[in-house]
Each structure stands twice: as structure tokens, then as C-alpha cells.
Amino acid sequence: MVATELLRRITHDPNVMGGRPCLRGMRVTVGTVVGLLGAGRTMEEVLAAYPYLEREDIFAALTFAAWRSQELEVPLQAS
């Protein structure tokens, strides 16, 4: 699955988890998934803890996190 297809799994809704990036509109944030993997959990452990997630959701979370890490914050100048 290509990155653009994976990123379609990431949703932002101000009424779900305060608008943080989530997976397919569910109450599972990208940060939760990436944090679990970063803490040493395996993909299988994450999927067992969240049985409604799919492997592609985990890849989508990693793809989104990688993309965001490359993004630059540019301050806006007053006009």
C-alpha cells in the first residue's frame, strides 16, 4: 500500500480525541500506536490490545509520524 493510501486512514475530528490524528475515526490516536511501538511493543501486541485495528492502520500511523517529523513549523508574520 502506498503512502497516500495509508494516510487516508488518518482522520482529524475536533469531536474525537480533541482533534488529534486518529485511525479511521476511532478513538485510537496515532500517538498511542507510535508510542506503544516506541516502547518496545510488537505489531502483534498492539493488534492484540486493539483488535479492531488492522496492520495497515499501524503502517499508516508510522507513515503519518514520519511525515510530521519532516514538517517545518514556520511562524506567521503580522501583516
Protein backbone atom coordinates (compact mmCIF):
# COMPACT_ATOMS: atom_id res chain seq x y z
CA MET A 1 0.00 0.00 0.00
CA VAL A 2 1.42 3.40 -0.96
CA ALA A 3 1.78 6.29 1.47
CA THR A 4 -1.14 8.28 0.08
CA GLU A 5 -3.48 5.32 0.59
CA LEU A 6 -2.17 4.76 4.11
CA LEU A 7 -2.60 8.42 5.02
CA ARG A 8 -6.30 8.23 4.11
CA ARG A 9 -6.67 6.13 7.26
CA ILE A 10 -5.67 9.12 9.40
CA THR A 11 -8.60 11.28 10.45
CA HIS A 12 -8.94 14.57 12.31
CA ASP A 13 -12.23 15.35 14.00
CA PRO A 14 -12.49 18.00 16.72
CA ASN A 15 -15.14 15.85 18.40
CA VAL A 16 -12.91 12.76 18.59
CA MET A 17 -9.92 12.77 20.94
CA GLY A 18 -9.73 16.56 20.84
CA GLY A 19 -8.93 16.62 17.14
CA ARG A 20 -5.70 14.67 17.47
CA PRO A 21 -4.84 12.45 14.49
CA CYS A 22 -6.73 9.17 14.86
CA LEU A 23 -7.04 5.96 12.93
CA ARG A 24 -10.17 5.63 10.77
CA GLY A 25 -12.26 7.86 13.02
CA MET A 26 -11.77 5.61 16.02
CA ARG A 27 -10.65 6.75 19.43
CA VAL A 28 -7.12 5.45 18.88
CA THR A 29 -4.57 8.17 18.21
CA VAL A 30 -1.50 7.99 16.03
CA GLY A 31 0.48 8.95 19.13
CA THR A 32 -0.83 5.95 21.06
CA VAL A 33 0.20 3.49 18.37
CA VAL A 34 3.60 5.07 17.72
CA GLY A 35 4.21 5.34 21.46
CA LEU A 36 3.47 1.66 22.02
CA LEU A 37 5.84 0.67 19.22
CA GLY A 38 8.47 3.05 20.55
CA ALA A 39 8.13 1.48 24.00
CA GLY A 40 9.04 -1.88 22.51
CA ARG A 41 5.64 -3.44 21.87
CA THR A 42 5.44 -5.55 18.74
CA MET A 43 2.90 -5.01 15.99
CA GLU A 44 1.20 -8.22 17.10
CA GLU A 45 0.93 -6.94 20.68
CA VAL A 46 -0.63 -3.68 19.50
CA LEU A 47 -3.12 -5.55 17.33
CA ALA A 48 -3.99 -7.84 20.26
CA ALA A 49 -4.56 -4.84 22.54
CA TYR A 50 -6.68 -3.10 19.89
CA PRO A 51 -8.36 -5.94 17.95
CA TYR A 52 -10.34 -3.52 15.78
CA LEU A 53 -7.11 -2.14 14.27
CA GLU A 54 -5.60 -3.56 11.11
CA ARG A 55 -1.94 -3.92 10.18
CA GLU A 56 -2.39 -1.12 7.65
CA ASP A 57 -3.50 1.18 10.48
CA ILE A 58 -0.16 0.68 12.19
CA PHE A 59 1.69 1.37 8.96
CA ALA A 60 -0.50 4.46 8.48
CA ALA A 61 0.41 5.73 11.96
CA LEU A 62 4.11 5.27 11.27
CA THR A 63 3.82 6.91 7.86
CA PHE A 64 1.99 9.89 9.36
CA ALA A 65 4.53 10.23 12.17
CA ALA A 66 7.42 10.13 9.71
CA TRP A 67 5.75 12.75 7.52
CA ARG A 68 5.08 15.03 10.50
CA SER A 69 8.66 14.72 11.72
CA GLN A 70 9.83 16.19 8.41
CA GLU A 71 7.41 19.11 8.51
CA LEU A 72 8.75 22.55 9.39
CA GLU A 73 6.87 24.98 11.58
CA VAL A 74 7.04 28.44 10.03
CA PRO A 75 5.93 31.37 12.20
CA LEU A 76 3.45 33.71 10.56
CA GLN A 77 4.40 37.34 10.30
CA ALA A 78 1.92 40.01 11.28
CA SER A 79 0.67 42.00 8.32
